Amino acid sequence: MNPKATVVALLLACFTYGTTQAGEIHVPAHYRAPQSSLFVYKANSAFRGAVVEVFFANGDLVTSQRLVRKRLVIDFSHVKAGAYVIRVTKGDKIQDFQFVKM
């Protein structure tokens, strides 16, 4: 598989990746373009106030902040290449997304 096809396949997998628990609010993730370093997160209003954490693949916390608006853009252009997990938590509801920076 060529590198572009691999990136597209990984990003498509990211759209469907996440945990699902009974009663969990579905929070979709959107990307601008496969070659982009931006992770664009859009939530419904029920998820305002959630904590958004970014972890490196080894589990180290990179950053954390509270979701104040419906949309959050995370810029990965200034971090090292690798796989990251974006975790959104509100109460007992947890949603995980994966972002791969080449």
PDB file of N, CA and C in Angstrom:
ATOM      1  N   MET A   1       0.856  -1.171   0.000  1.00  0.00           N
ATOM      2  CA  MET A   1       0.000   0.000   0.000  1.00  0.00           C
ATOM      3  C   MET A   1       0.903   1.235   0.000  1.00  0.00           C
ATOM      4  N   ASN A   2       0.570   2.211  -0.834  1.00  0.00           N
ATOM      5  CA  ASN A   2       1.416   3.410  -0.879  1.00  0.00           C
ATOM      6  C   ASN A   2       1.166   4.292   0.343  1.00  0.00           C
ATOM      7  N   PRO A   3       2.083   5.224   0.660  1.00  0.00           N
ATOM      8  CA  PRO A   3       1.968   6.032   1.880  1.00  0.00           C
ATOM      9  C   PRO A   3       0.680   6.853   1.958  1.00  0.00           C
ATOM     10  N   LYS A   4       0.234   7.413   0.833  1.00  0.00           N
ATOM     11  CA  LYS A   4      -1.005   8.213   0.863  1.00  0.00           C
ATOM     12  C   LYS A   4      -2.209   7.347   1.189  1.00  0.00           C
ATOM     13  N   ALA A   5      -2.258   6.167   0.605  1.00  0.00           N
ATOM     14  CA  ALA A   5      -3.366   5.257   0.884  1.00  0.00           C
ATOM     15  C   ALA A   5      -3.346   4.814   2.341  1.00  0.00           C
ATOM     16  N   THR A   6      -2.155   4.623   2.902  1.00  0.00           N
ATOM     17  CA  THR A   6      -2.031   4.243   4.305  1.00  0.00           C
ATOM     18  C   THR A   6      -2.569   5.341   5.214  1.00  0.00           C
ATOM     19  N   VAL A   7      -2.204   6.598   4.919  1.00  0.00           N
ATOM     20  CA  VAL A   7      -2.677   7.730   5.725  1.00  0.00           C
ATOM     21  C   VAL A   7      -4.192   7.849   5.639  1.00  0.00           C
ATOM     22  N   VAL A   8      -4.733   7.722   4.432  1.00  0.00           N
ATOM     23  CA  VAL A   8      -6.188   7.810   4.265  1.00  0.00           C
ATOM     24  C   VAL A   8      -6.870   6.684   5.030  1.00  0.00           C
ATOM     25  N   ALA A   9      -6.322   5.475   4.951  1.00  0.00           N
ATOM     26  CA  ALA A   9      -6.905   4.343   5.677  1.00  0.00           C
ATOM     27  C   ALA A   9      -6.872   4.577   7.183  1.00  0.00           C
ATOM     28  N   LEU A  10      -5.761   5.112   7.694  1.00  0.00           N
ATOM     29  CA  LEU A  10      -5.659   5.401   9.128  1.00  0.00           C
ATOM     30  C   LEU A  10      -6.668   6.468   9.543  1.00  0.00           C
ATOM     31  N   LEU A  11      -6.820   7.500   8.724  1.00  0.00           N
ATOM     32  CA  LEU A  11      -7.763   8.558   9.073  1.00  0.00           C
ATOM     33  C   LEU A  11      -9.201   8.057   9.017  1.00  0.00           C
ATOM     34  N   LEU A  12      -9.513   7.209   8.040  1.00  0.00           N
ATOM     35  CA  LEU A  12     -10.855   6.634   8.001  1.00  0.00           C
ATOM     36  C   LEU A  12     -11.112   5.774   9.229  1.00  0.00           C
ATOM     37  N   ALA A  13     -10.082   5.064   9.675  1.00  0.00           N
ATOM     38  CA  ALA A  13     -10.217   4.268  10.894  1.00  0.00           C
ATOM     39  C   ALA A  13     -10.454   5.171  12.093  1.00  0.00           C
ATOM     40  N   CYS A  14      -9.854   6.370  12.083  1.00  0.00           N
ATOM     41  CA  CYS A  14     -10.028   7.309  13.183  1.00  0.00           C
ATOM     42  C   CYS A  14     -11.475   7.764  13.311  1.00  0.00           C
ATOM     43  N   PHE A  15     -12.164   7.894  12.153  1.00  0.00           N
ATOM     44  CA  PHE A  15     -13.555   8.325  12.194  1.00  0.00           C
ATOM     45  C   PHE A  15     -14.435   7.321  12.913  1.00  0.00           C
ATOM     46  N   THR A  16     -14.095   6.058  12.803  1.00  0.00           N
ATOM     47  CA  THR A  16     -14.936   5.027  13.409  1.00  0.00           C
ATOM     48  C   THR A  16     -14.410   4.554  14.752  1.00  0.00           C
ATOM     49  N   TYR A  17     -13.222   5.004  15.136  1.00  0.00           N
ATOM     50  CA  TYR A  17     -12.606   4.559  16.382  1.00  0.00           C
ATOM     51  C   TYR A  17     -13.231   5.300  17.562  1.00  0.00           C
ATOM     52  N   GLY A  18     -13.554   4.623  18.608  1.00  0.00           N
ATOM     53  CA  GLY A  18     -14.084   5.254  19.806  1.00  0.00           C
ATOM     54  C   GLY A  18     -14.731   4.219  20.693  1.00  0.00           C
ATOM     55  N   THR A  19     -14.942   4.596  21.921  1.00  0.00           N
ATOM     56  CA  THR A  19     -15.590   3.678  22.838  1.00  0.00           C
ATOM     57  C   THR A  19     -17.081   3.949  22.812  1.00  0.00           C
ATOM     58  N   THR A  20     -17.864   2.932  23.030  1.00  0.00           N
ATOM     59  CA  THR A  20     -19.301   3.089  23.060  1.00  0.00           C
ATOM     60  C   THR A  20     -19.823   2.407  24.305  1.00  0.00           C
ATOM     61  N   GLN A  21     -20.486   3.167  25.127  1.00  0.00           N
ATOM     62  CA  GLN A  21     -21.071   2.623  26.338  1.00  0.00           C
ATOM     63  C   GLN A  21     -22.538   3.010  26.357  1.00  0.00           C
ATOM     64  N   ALA A  22     -23.329   2.263  27.089  1.00  0.00           N
ATOM     65  CA  ALA A  22     -24.748   2.565  27.179  1.00  0.00           C
ATOM     66  C   ALA A  22     -24.949   3.972  27.737  1.00  0.00           C
ATOM     67  N   GLY A  23     -25.783   4.743  27.096  1.00  0.00           N
ATOM     68  CA  GLY A  23     -26.076   6.096  27.554  1.00  0.00           C
ATOM     69  C   GLY A  23     -25.040   7.124  27.156  1.00  0.00           C
ATOM     70  N   GLU A  24     -24.030   6.734  26.389  1.00  0.00           N
ATOM     71  CA  GLU A  24     -22.981   7.669  26.014  1.00  0.00           C
ATOM     72  C   GLU A  24     -23.467   8.605  24.919  1.00  0.00           C
ATOM     73  N   ILE A  25     -23.090   9.851  25.017  1.00  0.00           N
ATOM     74  CA  ILE A  25     -23.446  10.846  24.018  1.00  0.00           C
ATOM     75  C   ILE A  25     -22.472  10.706  22.859  1.00  0.00           C
ATOM     76  N   HIS A  26     -22.983  10.535  21.640  1.00  0.00           N
ATOM     77  CA  HIS A  26     -22.115  10.386  20.471  1.00  0.00           C
ATOM     78  C   HIS A  26     -21.501  11.735  20.119  1.00  0.00           C
ATOM     79  N   VAL A  27     -20.180  11.761  20.022  1.00  0.00           N
ATOM     80  CA  VAL A  27     -19.452  12.981  19.695  1.00  0.00           C
ATOM     81  C   VAL A  27     -18.586  12.703  18.471  1.00  0.00           C
ATOM     82  N   PRO A  28     -18.978  13.199  17.297  1.00  0.00           N
ATOM     83  CA  PRO A  28     -18.189  12.918  16.097  1.00  0.00           C
ATOM     84  C   PRO A  28     -16.935  13.767  16.021  1.00  0.00           C
ATOM     85  N   ALA A  29     -15.923  13.261  15.342  1.00  0.00           N
ATOM     86  CA  ALA A  29     -14.697  14.010  15.084  1.00  0.00           C
ATOM     87  C   ALA A  29     -14.621  14.274  13.593  1.00  0.00           C
ATOM     88  N   HIS A  30     -14.115  15.420  13.230  1.00  0.00           N
ATOM     89  CA  HIS A  30     -14.005  15.783  11.824  1.00  0.00           C
ATOM     90  C   HIS A  30     -12.591  16.240  11.539  1.00  0.00           C
ATOM     91  N   TYR A  31     -12.099  15.927  10.347  1.00  0.00           N
ATOM     92  CA  TYR A  31     -10.776  16.316   9.913  1.00  0.00           C
ATOM     93  C   TYR A  31     -10.919  17.202   8.686  1.00  0.00           C
ATOM     94  N   ARG A  32     -10.046  18.193   8.547  1.00  0.00           N
ATOM     95  CA  ARG A  32     -10.100  19.076   7.380  1.00  0.00           C
ATOM     96  C   ARG A  32      -9.564  18.386   6.136  1.00  0.00           C
ATOM     97  N   ALA A  33      -8.423  17.744   6.232  1.00  0.00           N
ATOM     98  CA  ALA A  33      -7.823  17.066   5.086  1.00  0.00           C
ATOM     99  C   ALA A  33      -6.848  16.018   5.604  1.00  0.00           C
ATOM    100  N   PRO A  34      -6.652  14.943   4.850  1.00  0.00           N
ATOM    101  CA  PRO A  34      -5.727  13.901   5.318  1.00  0.00           C
ATOM    102  C   PRO A  34      -4.314  14.407   5.578  1.00  0.00           C
ATOM    103  N   GLN A  35      -3.843  15.395   4.831  1.00  0.00           N
ATOM    104  CA  GLN A  35      -2.487  15.895   5.019  1.00  0.00           C
ATOM    105  C   GLN A  35      -2.415  16.978   6.098  1.00  0.00           C
ATOM    106  N   SER A  36      -3.517  17.311   6.705  1.00  0.00           N
ATOM    107  CA  SER A  36      -3.574  18.378   7.696  1.00  0.00           C
ATOM    108  C   SER A  36      -2.992  17.939   9.038  1.00  0.00           C
ATOM    109  N   SER A  37      -2.456  18.913   9.767  1.00  0.00           N
ATOM    110  CA  SER A  37      -1.976  18.670  11.124  1.00  0.00           C
ATOM    111  C   SER A  37      -3.026  19.084  12.151  1.00  0.00           C
ATOM    112  N   LEU A  38      -4.246  19.327  11.690  1.00  0.00           N
ATOM    113  CA  LEU A  38      -5.309  19.785  12.580  1.00  0.00           C
ATOM    114  C   LEU A  38      -6.301  18.671  12.865  1.00  0.00           C
ATOM    115  N   PHE A  39      -6.665  18.553  14.136  1.00  0.00           N
ATOM    116  CA  PHE A  39      -7.751  17.671  14.554  1.00  0.00           C
ATOM    117  C   PHE A  39      -8.895  18.597  14.935  1.00  0.00           C
ATOM    118  N   VAL A  40      -9.998  18.521  14.221  1.00  0.00           N
ATOM    119  CA  VAL A  40     -11.143  19.398  14.476  1.00  0.00           C
ATOM    120  C   VAL A  40     -12.217  18.571  15.160  1.00  0.00           C
ATOM    121  N   TYR A  41     -12.594  18.999  16.347  1.00  0.00           N
ATOM    122  CA  TYR A  41     -13.556  18.274  17.181  1.00  0.00           C
ATOM    123  C   TYR A  41     -14.813  19.117  17.316  1.00  0.00           C
ATOM    124  N   LYS A  42     -15.948  18.544  16.940  1.00  0.00           N
ATOM    125  CA  LYS A  42     -17.229  19.232  17.084  1.00  0.00           C
ATOM    126  C   LYS A  42     -18.112  18.397  17.998  1.00  0.00           C
ATOM    127  N   ALA A  43     -18.665  19.050  18.997  1.00  0.00           N
ATOM    128  CA  ALA A  43     -19.489  18.340  19.970  1.00  0.00           C
ATOM    129  C   ALA A  43     -20.880  18.954  20.017  1.00  0.00           C
ATOM    130  N   ASN A  44     -21.842  18.171  20.464  1.00  0.00           N
ATOM    131  CA  ASN A  44     -23.148  18.765  20.694  1.00  0.00           C
ATOM    132  C   ASN A  44     -23.098  19.534  22.015  1.00  0.00           C
ATOM    133  N   SER A  45     -24.079  20.370  22.245  1.00  0.00           N
ATOM    134  CA  SER A  45     -24.042  21.268  23.410  1.00  0.00           C
ATOM    135  C   SER A  45     -24.023  20.519  24.740  1.00  0.00           C
ATOM    136  N   ALA A  46     -24.495  19.289  24.766  1.00  0.00           N
ATOM    137  CA  ALA A  46     -24.489  18.504  26.010  1.00  0.00           C
ATOM    138  C   ALA A  46     -23.073  18.165  26.464  1.00  0.00           C
ATOM    139  N   PHE A  47     -22.097  18.277  25.567  1.00  0.00           N
ATOM    140  CA  PHE A  47     -20.726  17.940  25.914  1.00  0.00           C
ATOM    141  C   PHE A  47     -19.894  19.158  26.297  1.00  0.00           C
ATOM    142  N   ARG A  48     -20.501  20.327  26.361  1.00  0.00           N
ATOM    143  CA  ARG A  48     -19.763  21.505  26.829  1.00  0.00           C
ATOM    144  C   ARG A  48     -19.317  21.277  28.262  1.00  0.00           C
ATOM    145  N   GLY A  49     -18.108  21.720  28.553  1.00  0.00           N
ATOM    146  CA  GLY A  49     -17.562  21.532  29.887  1.00  0.00           C
ATOM    147  C   GLY A  49     -16.780  20.243  30.046  1.00  0.00           C
ATOM    148  N   ALA A  50     -16.744  19.421  29.001  1.00  0.00           N
ATOM    149  CA  ALA A  50     -15.990  18.169  29.061  1.00  0.00           C
ATOM    150  C   ALA A  50     -14.491  18.468  29.117  1.00  0.00           C
ATOM    151  N   VAL A  51     -13.734  17.527  29.622  1.00  0.00           N
ATOM    152  CA  VAL A  51     -12.280  17.650  29.657  1.00  0.00           C
ATOM    153  C   VAL A  51     -11.726  16.940  28.424  1.00  0.00           C
ATOM    154  N   VAL A  52     -10.870  17.642  27.678  1.00  0.00           N
ATOM    155  CA  VAL A  52     -10.224  17.079  26.491  1.00  0.00           C
ATOM    156  C   VAL A  52      -8.749  16.889  26.822  1.00  0.00           C
ATOM    157  N   GLU A  53      -8.274  15.639  26.728  1.00  0.00           N
ATOM    158  CA  GLU A  53      -6.878  15.318  27.025  1.00  0.00           C
ATOM    159  C   GLU A  53      -6.241  14.719  25.780  1.00  0.00           C
ATOM    160  N   VAL A  54      -4.978  15.065  25.548  1.00  0.00           N
ATOM    161  CA  VAL A  54      -4.217  14.498  24.442  1.00  0.00           C
ATOM    162  C   VAL A  54      -3.068  13.697  25.041  1.00  0.00           C
ATOM    163  N   PHE A  55      -2.999  12.414  24.665  1.00  0.00           N
ATOM    164  CA  PHE A  55      -1.964  11.517  25.158  1.00  0.00           C
ATOM    165  C   PHE A  55      -1.079  11.064  23.998  1.00  0.00           C
ATOM    166  N   PHE A  56       0.228  10.933  24.256  1.00  0.00           N
ATOM    167  CA  PHE A  56       1.117  10.325  23.289  1.00  0.00           C
ATOM    168  C   PHE A  56       0.875   8.820  23.324  1.00  0.00           C
ATOM    169  N   ALA A  57       1.323   8.098  22.328  1.00  0.00           N
ATOM    170  CA  ALA A  57       1.059   6.655  22.218  1.00  0.00           C
ATOM    171  C   ALA A  57       1.505   5.872  23.450  1.00  0.00           C
ATOM    172  N   ASN A  58       2.557   6.333  24.141  1.00  0.00           N
ATOM    173  CA  ASN A  58       3.044   5.608  25.320  1.00  0.00           C
ATOM    174  C   ASN A  58       2.241   5.918  26.586  1.00  0.00           C
ATOM    175  N   GLY A  59       1.211   6.765  26.475  1.00  0.00           N
ATOM    176  CA  GLY A  59       0.353   7.082  27.606  1.00  0.00           C
ATOM    177  C   GLY A  59       0.683   8.379  28.313  1.00  0.00           C
ATOM    178  N   ASP A  60       1.765   9.052  27.910  1.00  0.00           N
ATOM    179  CA  ASP A  60       2.129  10.328  28.532  1.00  0.00           C
ATOM    180  C   ASP A  60       1.129  11.411  28.132  1.00  0.00           C
ATOM    181  N   LEU A  61       0.690  12.195  29.114  1.00  0.00           N
ATOM    182  CA  LEU A  61      -0.237  13.294  28.858  1.00  0.00           C
ATOM    183  C   LEU A  61       0.514  14.441  28.196  1.00  0.00           C
ATOM    184  N   VAL A  62       0.027  14.883  27.033  1.00  0.00           N
ATOM    185  CA  VAL A  62       0.641  15.992  26.307  1.00  0.00           C
ATOM    186  C   VAL A  62       0.011  17.308  26.742  1.00  0.00           C
ATOM    187  N   THR A  63      -1.317  17.365  26.760  1.00  0.00           N
ATOM    188  CA  THR A  63      -2.027  18.569  27.165  1.00  0.00           C
ATOM    189  C   THR A  63      -3.445  18.207  27.592  1.00  0.00           C
ATOM    190  N   SER A  64      -4.063  19.121  28.314  1.00  0.00           N
ATOM    191  CA  SER A  64      -5.427  18.927  28.779  1.00  0.00           C
ATOM    192  C   SER A  64      -6.113  20.287  28.872  1.00  0.00           C
ATOM    193  N   GLN A  65      -7.371  20.332  28.485  1.00  0.00           N
ATOM    194  CA  GLN A  65      -8.133  21.569  28.642  1.00  0.00           C
ATOM    195  C   GLN A  65      -9.619  21.255  28.678  1.00  0.00           C
ATOM    196  N   ARG A  66     -10.385  22.221  29.117  1.00  0.00           N
ATOM    197  CA  ARG A  66     -11.832  22.074  29.222  1.00  0.00           C
ATOM    198  C   ARG A  66     -12.474  22.565  27.927  1.00  0.00           C
ATOM    199  N   LEU A  67     -13.482  21.850  27.449  1.00  0.00           N
ATOM    200  CA  LEU A  67     -14.212  22.209  26.240  1.00  0.00           C
ATOM    201  C   LEU A  67     -15.231  23.289  26.595  1.00  0.00           C
ATOM    202  N   VAL A  68     -14.976  24.502  26.121  1.00  0.00           N
ATOM    203  CA  VAL A  68     -15.836  25.637  26.453  1.00  0.00           C
ATOM    204  C   VAL A  68     -16.882  25.878  25.367  1.00  0.00           C
ATOM    205  N   ARG A  69     -16.511  25.614  24.113  1.00  0.00           N
ATOM    206  CA  ARG A  69     -17.420  25.804  22.986  1.00  0.00           C
ATOM    207  C   ARG A  69     -17.718  24.473  22.328  1.00  0.00           C
ATOM    208  N   LYS A  70     -18.538  24.505  21.287  1.00  0.00           N
ATOM    209  CA  LYS A  70     -18.888  23.277  20.583  1.00  0.00           C
ATOM    210  C   LYS A  70     -17.744  22.768  19.710  1.00  0.00           C
ATOM    211  N   ARG A  71     -16.817  23.639  19.362  1.00  0.00           N
ATOM    212  CA  ARG A  71     -15.745  23.260  18.438  1.00  0.00           C
ATOM    213  C   ARG A  71     -14.383  23.505  19.070  1.00  0.00           C
ATOM    214  N   LEU A  72     -13.490  22.532  18.894  1.00  0.00           N
ATOM    215  CA  LEU A  72     -12.127  22.640  19.389  1.00  0.00           C
ATOM    216  C   LEU A  72     -11.192  22.190  18.284  1.00  0.00           C
ATOM    217  N   VAL A  73     -10.173  22.988  17.988  1.00  0.00           N
ATOM    218  CA  VAL A  73      -9.184  22.640  16.978  1.00  0.00           C
ATOM    219  C   VAL A  73      -7.864  22.393  17.694  1.00  0.00           C
ATOM    220  N   ILE A  74      -7.297  21.206  17.492  1.00  0.00           N
ATOM    221  CA  ILE A  74      -6.004  20.861  18.079  1.00  0.00           C
ATOM    222  C   ILE A  74      -4.983  20.849  16.952  1.00  0.00           C
ATOM    223  N   ASP A  75      -3.945  21.664  17.086  1.00  0.00           N
ATOM    224  CA  ASP A  75      -2.901  21.786  16.070  1.00  0.00           C
ATOM    225  C   ASP A  75      -1.727  20.892  16.447  1.00  0.00           C
ATOM    226  N   PHE A  76      -1.483  19.878  15.637  1.00  0.00           N
ATOM    227  CA  PHE A  76      -0.397  18.931  15.880  1.00  0.00           C
ATOM    228  C   PHE A  76       0.867  19.276  15.096  1.00  0.00           C
ATOM    229  N   SER A  77       0.935  20.458  14.501  1.00  0.00           N
ATOM    230  CA  SER A  77       2.080  20.796  13.648  1.00  0.00           C
ATOM    231  C   SER A  77       3.374  20.975  14.430  1.00  0.00           C
ATOM    232  N   HIS A  78       3.314  21.264  15.714  1.00  0.00           N
ATOM    233  CA  HIS A  78       4.522  21.523  16.501  1.00  0.00           C
ATOM    234  C   HIS A  78       4.876  20.402  17.478  1.00  0.00           C
ATOM    235  N   VAL A  79       4.306  19.228  17.258  1.00  0.00           N
ATOM    236  CA  VAL A  79       4.647  18.081  18.106  1.00  0.00           C
ATOM    237  C   VAL A  79       5.321  17.020  17.248  1.00  0.00           C
ATOM    238  N   LYS A  80       6.009  16.096  17.897  1.00  0.00           N
ATOM    239  CA  LYS A  80       6.728  15.075  17.141  1.00  0.00           C
ATOM    240  C   LYS A  80       5.768  14.090  16.491  1.00  0.00           C
ATOM    241  N   ALA A  81       6.262  13.454  15.444  1.00  0.00           N
ATOM    242  CA  ALA A  81       5.453  12.482  14.703  1.00  0.00           C
ATOM    243  C   ALA A  81       5.125  11.288  15.583  1.00  0.00           C
ATOM    244  N   GLY A  82       3.971  10.691  15.344  1.00  0.00           N
ATOM    245  CA  GLY A  82       3.556   9.521  16.092  1.00  0.00           C
ATOM    246  C   GLY A  82       2.054   9.462  16.239  1.00  0.00           C
ATOM    247  N   ALA A  83       1.602   8.507  17.004  1.00  0.00           N
ATOM    248  CA  ALA A  83       0.171   8.318  17.242  1.00  0.00           C
ATOM    249  C   ALA A  83      -0.222   8.999  18.548  1.00  0.00           C
ATOM    250  N   TYR A  84      -1.360   9.642  18.536  1.00  0.00           N
ATOM    251  CA  TYR A  84      -1.887  10.338  19.706  1.00  0.00           C
ATOM    252  C   TYR A  84      -3.310   9.868  19.962  1.00  0.00           C
ATOM    253  N   VAL A  85      -3.710   9.878  21.219  1.00  0.00           N
ATOM    254  CA  VAL A  85      -5.083   9.576  21.605  1.00  0.00           C
ATOM    255  C   VAL A  85      -5.687  10.848  22.178  1.00  0.00           C
ATOM    256  N   ILE A  86      -6.838  11.243  21.642  1.00  0.00           N
ATOM    257  CA  ILE A  86      -7.573  12.400  22.161  1.00  0.00           C
ATOM    258  C   ILE A  86      -8.743  11.827  22.944  1.00  0.00           C
ATOM    259  N   ARG A  87      -8.796  12.112  24.231  1.00  0.00           N
ATOM    260  CA  ARG A  87      -9.845  11.581  25.102  1.00  0.00           C
ATOM    261  C   ARG A  87     -10.734  12.728  25.580  1.00  0.00           C
ATOM    262  N   VAL A  88     -12.039  12.556  25.383  1.00  0.00           N
ATOM    263  CA  VAL A  88     -13.028  13.541  25.819  1.00  0.00           C
ATOM    264  C   VAL A  88     -13.834  12.889  26.934  1.00  0.00           C
ATOM    265  N   THR A  89     -13.864  13.543  28.101  1.00  0.00           N
ATOM    266  CA  THR A  89     -14.529  12.978  29.271  1.00  0.00           C
ATOM    267  C   THR A  89     -15.490  13.981  29.872  1.00  0.00           C
ATOM    268  N   LYS A  90     -16.725  13.551  30.074  1.00  0.00           N
ATOM    269  CA  LYS A  90     -17.697  14.355  30.819  1.00  0.00           C
ATOM    270  C   LYS A  90     -18.482  13.402  31.702  1.00  0.00           C
ATOM    271  N   GLY A  91     -18.294  13.559  33.000  1.00  0.00           N
ATOM    272  CA  GLY A  91     -18.932  12.642  33.944  1.00  0.00           C
ATOM    273  C   GLY A  91     -18.399  11.237  33.738  1.00  0.00           C
ATOM    274  N   ASP A  92     -19.298  10.271  33.546  1.00  0.00           N
ATOM    275  CA  ASP A  92     -18.868   8.891  33.321  1.00  0.00           C
ATOM    276  C   ASP A  92     -18.806   8.541  31.835  1.00  0.00           C
ATOM    277  N   LYS A  93     -18.977   9.531  30.979  1.00  0.00           N
ATOM    278  CA  LYS A  93     -18.927   9.308  29.537  1.00  0.00           C
ATOM    279  C   LYS A  93     -17.532   9.604  28.996  1.00  0.00           C
ATOM    280  N   ILE A  94     -16.963   8.655  28.253  1.00  0.00           N
ATOM    281  CA  ILE A  94     -15.614   8.789  27.709  1.00  0.00           C
ATOM    282  C   ILE A  94     -15.657   8.469  26.217  1.00  0.00           C
ATOM    283  N   GLN A  95     -15.019   9.330  25.441  1.00  0.00           N
ATOM    284  CA  GLN A  95     -14.913   9.112  23.993  1.00  0.00           C
ATOM    285  C   GLN A  95     -13.444   9.252  23.618  1.00  0.00           C
ATOM    286  N   ASP A  96     -12.878   8.251  22.931  1.00  0.00           N
ATOM    287  CA  ASP A  96     -11.488   8.264  22.508  1.00  0.00           C
ATOM    288  C   ASP A  96     -11.398   8.371  20.992  1.00  0.00           C
ATOM    289  N   PHE A  97     -10.435   9.166  20.514  1.00  0.00           N
ATOM    290  CA  PHE A  97     -10.144   9.287  19.090  1.00  0.00           C
ATOM    291  C   PHE A  97      -8.644   9.134  18.923  1.00  0.00           C
ATOM    292  N   GLN A  98      -8.240   8.703  17.753  1.00  0.00           N
ATOM    293  CA  GLN A  98      -6.816   8.548  17.480  1.00  0.00           C
ATOM    294  C   GLN A  98      -6.428   9.487  16.351  1.00  0.00           C
ATOM    295  N   PHE A  99      -5.253  10.138  16.496  1.00  0.00           N
ATOM    296  CA  PHE A  99      -4.711  11.014  15.463  1.00  0.00           C
ATOM    297  C   PHE A  99      -3.273  10.576  15.203  1.00  0.00           C
ATOM    298  N   VAL A 100      -2.929  10.351  13.945  1.00  0.00           N
ATOM    299  CA  VAL A 100      -1.584   9.923  13.583  1.00  0.00           C
ATOM    300  C   VAL A 100      -0.910  11.063  12.834  1.00  0.00           C
ATOM    301  N   LYS A 101       0.179  11.565  13.395  1.00  0.00           N
ATOM    302  CA  LYS A 101       0.956  12.606  12.723  1.00  0.00           C
ATOM    303  C   LYS A 101       2.125  11.948  12.029  1.00  0.00           C
ATOM    304  N   MET A 102       2.243  12.218  10.742  1.00  0.00           N
ATOM    305  CA  MET A 102       3.334  11.642   9.959  1.00  0.00           C
ATOM    306  C   MET A 102       4.553  12.533  10.047  1.00  0.00           C
TER     307      MET A 102
END
